[in-house]
N, C-alpha and C. Protein backbone atom coordinates (compact mmCIF):
# COMPACT_ATOMS: atom_id res chain seq x y z
N MET A 1 -99.38 212.51 -127.08
CA MET A 1 -99.30 212.67 -128.21
C MET A 1 -99.27 214.15 -128.80
N SER A 2 -98.32 214.31 -129.83
CA SER A 2 -98.09 215.90 -130.19
C SER A 2 -99.45 216.45 -130.88
N ALA A 3 -99.48 217.25 -130.76
CA ALA A 3 -100.50 218.24 -131.79
C ALA A 3 -100.90 217.86 -132.86
N LEU A 4 -101.95 217.69 -133.62
CA LEU A 4 -102.21 217.08 -134.86
C LEU A 4 -102.69 218.31 -135.56
N SER A 5 -102.08 218.37 -136.90
CA SER A 5 -102.36 219.38 -137.83
C SER A 5 -103.32 218.72 -139.11
N ARG A 6 -103.76 219.29 -139.49
CA ARG A 6 -104.67 219.00 -140.89
C ARG A 6 -103.73 219.15 -141.95
N LYS A 7 -104.12 217.90 -143.04
CA LYS A 7 -102.94 217.97 -144.03
C LYS A 7 -104.00 217.26 -144.97
N GLN A 8 -103.90 217.85 -146.42
CA GLN A 8 -104.53 217.30 -147.50
C GLN A 8 -103.73 216.39 -148.44
N LEU A 9 -103.72 215.29 -148.56
CA LEU A 9 -103.10 214.31 -149.62
C LEU A 9 -104.15 214.11 -150.61
N LEU A 10 -103.39 213.84 -152.22
CA LEU A 10 -103.74 213.61 -153.31
C LEU A 10 -103.43 212.07 -153.30
N LEU A 11 -104.55 211.04 -153.77
CA LEU A 11 -104.29 209.91 -153.53
C LEU A 11 -105.13 209.20 -154.50
N SER A 12 -104.96 208.43 -155.20
CA SER A 12 -105.30 207.62 -156.28
C SER A 12 -106.92 207.07 -155.85
N GLN A 13 -107.66 206.92 -156.62
CA GLN A 13 -108.93 206.52 -156.51
C GLN A 13 -108.91 205.07 -155.36
N ASP A 14 -107.84 204.36 -156.24
CA ASP A 14 -107.53 202.51 -155.91
C ASP A 14 -107.22 202.77 -154.33
N SER A 15 -106.25 203.72 -154.02
CA SER A 15 -105.73 204.03 -152.72
C SER A 15 -107.00 204.60 -151.54
N ILE A 16 -107.71 205.24 -152.11
CA ILE A 16 -108.93 205.84 -151.23
C ILE A 16 -109.92 204.26 -151.09
N SER A 17 -109.80 203.61 -152.07
CA SER A 17 -111.12 202.86 -151.50
C SER A 17 -110.24 201.64 -150.70
N ARG A 18 -108.86 201.40 -150.84
CA ARG A 18 -108.15 200.45 -149.86
C ARG A 18 -108.40 201.16 -148.54
N LEU A 19 -108.05 202.33 -148.23
CA LEU A 19 -108.28 203.13 -147.16
C LEU A 19 -109.39 202.84 -146.72
N HIS A 20 -110.54 203.25 -147.22
CA HIS A 20 -112.01 202.77 -146.93
C HIS A 20 -112.21 201.63 -146.30
N GLU A 21 -111.88 200.57 -147.19
CA GLU A 21 -112.17 199.26 -146.55
C GLU A 21 -111.37 198.99 -145.53
N TRP A 22 -109.97 199.39 -145.43
CA TRP A 22 -109.13 199.06 -144.00
C TRP A 22 -109.82 199.56 -143.14
N SER A 23 -110.54 200.66 -143.25
CA SER A 23 -111.11 201.32 -141.95
C SER A 23 -112.08 200.61 -141.28
N ASP A 24 -112.87 200.39 -142.27
CA ASP A 24 -113.88 199.22 -141.85
C ASP A 24 -113.72 198.31 -141.20
N ARG A 25 -112.91 197.41 -142.22
CA ARG A 25 -112.17 196.52 -141.56
C ARG A 25 -111.54 196.31 -139.98
N TYR A 26 -110.78 197.39 -139.95
CA TYR A 26 -110.14 197.36 -138.57
C TYR A 26 -110.60 198.35 -137.41
N ASP A 27 -111.83 198.89 -138.11
CA ASP A 27 -112.47 199.81 -136.96
C ASP A 27 -111.46 201.07 -136.33
N LEU A 28 -110.72 201.40 -137.27
CA LEU A 28 -109.85 202.86 -137.28
C LEU A 28 -110.13 203.79 -138.40
N SER A 29 -110.17 204.99 -137.88
CA SER A 29 -110.13 206.01 -138.78
C SER A 29 -109.29 206.13 -140.08
N GLU A 30 -109.42 206.49 -140.95
CA GLU A 30 -108.65 206.69 -142.20
C GLU A 30 -107.48 207.53 -141.68
N ALA A 31 -107.80 208.39 -140.56
CA ALA A 31 -106.19 209.49 -140.35
C ALA A 31 -105.56 208.54 -139.63
N GLU A 32 -105.76 207.50 -138.73
CA GLU A 32 -105.28 206.67 -137.95
C GLU A 32 -104.48 205.90 -138.64
N LEU A 33 -105.19 205.22 -139.86
CA LEU A 33 -104.64 204.38 -140.91
C LEU A 33 -103.23 204.95 -141.47
N VAL A 34 -103.33 206.43 -141.95
CA VAL A 34 -102.51 207.13 -142.43
C VAL A 34 -101.28 207.11 -141.19
N ARG A 35 -101.49 207.66 -140.12
CA ARG A 35 -100.51 207.80 -138.99
C ARG A 35 -99.60 206.49 -139.03
N ARG A 36 -100.46 205.50 -138.70
CA ARG A 36 -99.80 204.40 -138.71
C ARG A 36 -98.92 203.77 -139.88
N ALA A 37 -99.51 204.09 -141.24
CA ALA A 37 -98.51 203.86 -141.89
C ALA A 37 -97.08 204.60 -142.09
N ILE A 38 -97.56 205.78 -141.72
CA ILE A 38 -96.43 206.89 -141.60
C ILE A 38 -95.32 206.50 -140.58
N GLN A 39 -95.85 205.66 -139.59
CA GLN A 39 -94.72 205.56 -138.50
C GLN A 39 -93.94 204.16 -138.74
N ASN A 40 -94.85 203.16 -139.89
CA ASN A 40 -94.18 201.65 -139.95
C ASN A 40 -93.27 202.28 -141.31
N TYR A 41 -93.51 203.17 -141.96
CA TYR A 41 -92.53 203.40 -143.40
C TYR A 41 -91.27 203.51 -142.68
N ASP A 42 -90.51 202.79 -143.45
CA ASP A 42 -88.84 202.97 -143.46
C ASP A 42 -88.43 203.27 -144.84
N PRO A 43 -87.94 204.39 -144.58
CA PRO A 43 -87.28 204.77 -146.11
C PRO A 43 -86.11 204.13 -146.35
N GLU A 44 -85.22 203.75 -145.15
CA GLU A 44 -84.11 202.99 -145.55
C GLU A 44 -84.41 201.97 -146.02
N HIS A 45 -84.85 201.72 -147.26
CA HIS A 45 -85.09 200.25 -147.89
C HIS A 45 -83.92 199.28 -147.46
N GLU A 46 -82.93 199.83 -147.87
CA GLU A 46 -81.69 198.54 -147.50
C GLU A 46 -81.50 198.14 -146.22
N ARG A 47 -81.51 199.19 -145.34
CA ARG A 47 -82.04 198.38 -144.03
C ARG A 47 -82.78 197.33 -143.85
N ALA A 48 -84.32 197.49 -144.51
CA ALA A 48 -85.03 196.38 -144.29
C ALA A 48 -85.10 195.53 -145.00
N GLN A 49 -84.30 195.44 -146.01
CA GLN A 49 -83.74 194.17 -147.25
C GLN A 49 -82.49 193.68 -145.92
N SER A 50 -81.85 194.24 -145.64
CA SER A 50 -80.95 193.02 -144.84
C SER A 50 -81.52 192.71 -143.57
N ASP A 51 -82.58 193.21 -142.97
CA ASP A 51 -83.22 192.48 -141.76
C ASP A 51 -83.86 191.67 -142.33
N SER A 52 -84.55 191.75 -143.76
CA SER A 52 -85.32 190.54 -144.09
C SER A 52 -84.54 189.40 -144.42
N ALA A 53 -83.27 189.89 -145.08
CA ALA A 53 -82.33 188.78 -145.17
C ALA A 53 -81.94 187.96 -143.93
N GLU A 54 -81.51 188.81 -142.85
CA GLU A 54 -81.61 188.05 -141.89
C GLU A 54 -82.77 187.23 -141.15
N HIS A 55 -83.98 187.78 -141.21
CA HIS A 55 -84.89 186.84 -140.98
C HIS A 55 -84.99 185.79 -141.62
N GLU A 56 -84.67 185.75 -143.02
CA GLU A 56 -84.97 184.50 -144.23
C GLU A 56 -84.02 183.35 -143.55
N LYS A 57 -82.31 183.92 -143.35
CA LYS A 57 -81.49 183.04 -142.90
C LYS A 57 -82.37 182.09 -141.60
N ALA A 58 -82.85 183.00 -140.50
CA ALA A 58 -83.02 182.23 -139.25
C ALA A 58 -84.11 181.49 -139.63
N ALA A 59 -84.98 181.94 -140.35
CA ALA A 59 -86.13 180.70 -141.03
C ALA A 59 -85.68 179.70 -141.50
N GLU A 60 -84.41 179.94 -142.53
CA GLU A 60 -84.10 178.80 -143.19
C GLU A 60 -83.37 177.61 -142.16
N ALA A 61 -82.47 178.60 -141.21
CA ALA A 61 -82.03 177.58 -140.12
C ALA A 61 -82.97 176.74 -139.32
N MET A 62 -84.29 177.61 -138.81
CA MET A 62 -85.15 176.97 -138.29
C MET A 62 -85.89 175.78 -138.78
N LEU A 63 -86.07 176.09 -139.94
CA LEU A 63 -86.64 174.92 -141.00
C LEU A 63 -85.86 173.83 -140.98
N GLU A 64 -84.58 173.92 -141.28
CA GLU A 64 -83.76 172.90 -141.32
C GLU A 64 -83.29 171.83 -139.83
N PHE A 65 -83.59 172.74 -139.11
CA PHE A 65 -83.27 172.24 -137.38
C PHE A 65 -84.73 171.18 -137.48
N MET A 66 -86.14 171.98 -137.88
CA MET A 66 -87.08 171.15 -137.99
C MET A 66 -87.39 169.91 -138.74
N ALA A 67 -86.76 170.25 -139.85
CA ALA A 67 -86.69 169.19 -140.58
C ALA A 67 -85.82 167.55 -139.92
N LYS A 68 -84.75 168.16 -139.66
CA LYS A 68 -83.86 167.28 -138.84
C LYS A 68 -84.86 166.27 -137.78
N ALA A 69 -85.17 167.40 -136.92
CA ALA A 69 -86.10 166.86 -135.81
C ALA A 69 -87.12 165.81 -136.29
N LEU A 70 -88.13 166.59 -137.28
CA LEU A 70 -88.93 165.55 -137.86
C LEU A 70 -88.40 164.13 -138.43
N LYS A 71 -87.02 164.65 -138.93
CA LYS A 71 -86.75 163.04 -139.72
C LYS A 71 -86.53 161.91 -138.59
N SER A 72 -85.72 162.62 -137.49
CA SER A 72 -85.39 161.68 -136.20
C SER A 72 -86.64 161.08 -135.33
N ALA A 73 -87.69 162.10 -135.61
CA ALA A 73 -89.03 161.69 -134.73
C ALA A 73 -89.34 160.48 -135.32
N MET A 74 -89.49 160.57 -136.85
CA MET A 74 -90.32 159.40 -138.09
C MET A 74 -89.63 158.25 -137.97
N ASN A 75 -88.20 158.52 -137.59
CA ASN A 75 -87.37 157.31 -137.56
C ASN A 75 -87.61 156.54 -136.55
N ASP A 76 -87.52 157.24 -135.23
CA ASP A 76 -87.93 156.57 -133.79
C ASP A 76 -89.32 156.02 -133.92
N VAL A 77 -90.53 156.49 -134.54
CA VAL A 77 -91.85 156.10 -134.75
C VAL A 77 -91.76 154.99 -135.59
N ASP A 78 -91.06 154.88 -137.06
CA ASP A 78 -90.94 153.63 -137.74
C ASP A 78 -90.17 152.76 -136.45
N ALA A 79 -89.07 152.65 -136.04
CA ALA A 79 -88.69 151.78 -135.17
C ALA A 79 -89.87 151.35 -133.80
N ALA A 80 -90.61 152.42 -133.37
CA ALA A 80 -91.33 151.84 -132.47
C ALA A 80 -92.43 150.83 -133.22
N ASN A 81 -92.62 151.16 -134.41
CA ASN A 81 -93.79 150.64 -134.94
C ASN A 81 -93.43 149.08 -135.56
N ALA A 82 -92.28 149.18 -135.88
CA ALA A 82 -91.77 147.79 -136.29
C ALA A 82 -91.88 146.72 -135.12
N ARG A 83 -91.45 147.44 -134.08
CA ARG A 83 -91.41 146.64 -132.48
C ARG A 83 -92.52 145.87 -132.04
N VAL A 84 -93.76 146.90 -132.43
CA VAL A 84 -95.25 146.65 -131.86
C VAL A 84 -95.37 145.61 -133.38
N ARG A 85 -95.03 145.59 -134.30
CA ARG A 85 -95.56 144.35 -135.51
C ARG A 85 -94.87 143.19 -134.98
N GLU A 86 -93.50 143.36 -134.63
CA GLU A 86 -92.84 142.15 -134.20
C GLU A 86 -93.69 141.14 -133.09
N THR A 87 -94.03 142.32 -132.04
CA THR A 87 -94.44 141.72 -130.80
C THR A 87 -96.13 141.37 -131.12
N LEU A 88 -96.66 141.72 -132.17
CA LEU A 88 -98.04 141.27 -132.19
C LEU A 88 -97.99 140.06 -132.99
N ALA A 89 -97.10 139.99 -133.79
CA ALA A 89 -96.85 139.07 -134.43
C ALA A 89 -96.60 137.73 -133.93
N GLY A 90 -95.77 137.91 -132.54
CA GLY A 90 -95.42 136.62 -131.89
C GLY A 90 -96.19 136.48 -130.75
N LEU A 91 -97.35 137.08 -130.40
CA LEU A 91 -98.41 136.69 -129.45
C LEU A 91 -98.70 135.14 -129.47
N ASP A 92 -98.97 134.57 -130.24
CA ASP A 92 -99.56 133.47 -130.69
C ASP A 92 -98.42 132.41 -130.39
N ASP A 93 -97.12 132.53 -130.45
CA ASP A 93 -95.72 131.48 -130.04
C ASP A 93 -95.32 131.60 -128.47
N PRO A 94 -95.63 130.46 -127.67
CA PRO A 94 -95.45 130.77 -126.48
C PRO A 94 -93.87 131.07 -126.19
N ALA A 95 -93.16 130.74 -127.16
CA ALA A 95 -91.44 130.89 -126.81
C ALA A 95 -91.62 132.22 -127.03
N LYS A 96 -91.91 133.16 -128.12
CA LYS A 96 -92.10 134.73 -128.23
C LYS A 96 -92.31 135.20 -126.89
N ARG A 97 -93.87 134.74 -126.53
CA ARG A 97 -94.21 135.54 -125.27
C ARG A 97 -93.19 135.15 -124.46
N LYS A 98 -92.67 134.46 -124.41
CA LYS A 98 -91.40 134.16 -122.92
C LYS A 98 -90.51 134.96 -123.21
N ALA A 99 -90.12 134.85 -124.43
CA ALA A 99 -89.12 136.33 -124.19
C ALA A 99 -89.22 137.65 -124.37
N ILE A 100 -90.41 137.99 -124.85
CA ILE A 100 -91.11 139.10 -124.80
C ILE A 100 -91.14 139.55 -123.22
N ASP A 101 -91.71 138.56 -122.23
CA ASP A 101 -91.50 138.77 -120.75
C ASP A 101 -90.67 139.24 -120.46
N GLN A 102 -89.72 138.14 -120.83
CA GLN A 102 -88.21 138.28 -120.01
C GLN A 102 -87.66 139.80 -120.77
N GLU A 103 -87.69 140.33 -121.77
CA GLU A 103 -87.03 141.46 -122.23
C GLU A 103 -87.60 142.60 -121.22
N VAL A 104 -89.43 142.65 -121.08
CA VAL A 104 -89.79 143.64 -120.52
C VAL A 104 -89.54 143.58 -119.18
N ARG A 105 -89.27 142.39 -118.10
CA ARG A 105 -88.75 142.50 -117.11
C ARG A 105 -87.38 142.98 -116.93
N GLN A 106 -86.32 142.47 -118.13
CA GLN A 106 -84.84 143.28 -118.01
C GLN A 106 -85.11 144.75 -118.23
N GLU A 107 -86.15 145.23 -119.21
CA GLU A 107 -86.07 146.96 -118.96
C GLU A 107 -86.40 147.50 -117.84
N VAL A 108 -88.06 146.76 -117.11
CA VAL A 108 -87.92 147.36 -116.07
C VAL A 108 -87.13 147.29 -114.82
N ALA A 109 -86.41 146.42 -115.03
CA ALA A 109 -85.18 146.41 -113.91
C ALA A 109 -84.15 147.38 -114.09
N GLU A 110 -83.83 147.58 -115.63
CA GLU A 110 -82.76 148.76 -115.65
C GLU A 110 -83.25 149.89 -115.55
N SER A 111 -84.52 150.22 -115.43
CA SER A 111 -85.03 151.58 -115.51
C SER A 111 -86.41 151.60 -114.58
N PRO A 112 -85.74 151.62 -113.14
CA PRO A 112 -86.63 151.46 -112.05
C PRO A 112 -87.89 152.40 -111.88
N GLY A 113 -87.61 153.63 -112.34
CA GLY A 113 -88.44 154.84 -112.52
C GLY A 113 -89.23 154.54 -113.53
N TRP A 114 -89.58 153.61 -114.54
CA TRP A 114 -90.06 153.75 -115.29
C TRP A 114 -91.88 153.04 -114.90
N MET A 115 -91.95 152.27 -114.38
CA MET A 115 -93.11 151.96 -113.66
C MET A 115 -93.99 153.15 -113.07
N ASP A 116 -93.34 153.99 -112.31
CA ASP A 116 -93.89 155.00 -111.60
C ASP A 116 -94.36 155.70 -112.99
N GLU A 117 -93.49 156.02 -114.07
CA GLU A 117 -93.87 156.95 -114.99
C GLU A 117 -95.15 156.63 -115.59
N VAL A 118 -95.17 155.16 -115.81
CA VAL A 118 -96.32 154.69 -116.54
C VAL A 118 -97.77 154.73 -115.55
N ALA A 119 -97.34 154.65 -114.37
CA ALA A 119 -98.76 154.84 -113.21
C ALA A 119 -99.06 156.21 -113.18
N ASP A 120 -97.87 157.15 -113.30
CA ASP A 120 -98.20 158.58 -113.18
C ASP A 120 -99.24 158.76 -114.71
N LEU A 121 -98.94 158.29 -115.71
CA LEU A 121 -99.60 158.49 -116.85
C LEU A 121 -100.80 157.86 -117.11
N LEU A 122 -101.02 156.61 -116.02
CA LEU A 122 -102.47 156.03 -116.34
C LEU A 122 -103.61 156.75 -115.34
N VAL A 123 -102.69 157.43 -114.09
CA VAL A 123 -103.72 158.03 -113.02
C VAL A 123 -104.14 159.37 -113.71
N THR A 124 -103.49 160.19 -114.05
CA THR A 124 -103.41 161.18 -114.98
C THR A 124 -104.35 161.12 -115.96
N GLU A 125 -104.32 160.08 -116.89
CA GLU A 125 -105.29 159.71 -118.05
C GLU A 125 -106.86 159.85 -117.20
N ASN A 126 -106.82 158.63 -116.30
CA ASN A 126 -108.28 158.27 -115.58
C ASN A 126 -108.71 159.55 -115.10
N GLU A 127 -107.90 160.33 -114.51
CA GLU A 127 -108.16 161.61 -113.72
C GLU A 127 -109.08 162.62 -114.68
N ASP A 128 -108.42 162.74 -115.92
CA ASP A 128 -108.82 163.94 -117.11
C ASP A 128 -110.20 162.74 -117.57
N ALA A 129 -110.32 161.66 -117.60
CA ALA A 129 -111.62 161.23 -118.15
C ALA A 129 -112.83 161.44 -117.10
N ALA A 130 -112.53 161.44 -115.88
CA ALA A 130 -113.48 161.38 -114.76
C ALA A 130 -114.39 162.80 -114.90
């Protein structure tokens, strides 16, 4: 750090009060707060505004992406819930149970690694519970 020099500043009572409050809150000296404020001050306000506009555009793009992803996830959950309701409603019907059994067997046959993934989930869950 370069050599420090003493400098008197004229501040409003409100600014002095805020400086005292921040000094206590952040456990920093008032001089350190002033030094940090000077280091972070950007007199090129236009540059700061353009940076802010860029950040805002990026934030809007991220929000749009998140909204689409959330909508897709909600649609998937709705479809899964509909299938669960249909399955639960058909459990009392022997023909429906047979159709469900065949559908599950077909899905397992088409995705041989699926049972391994389910087993891994169950083992992990049991290990976590122990």
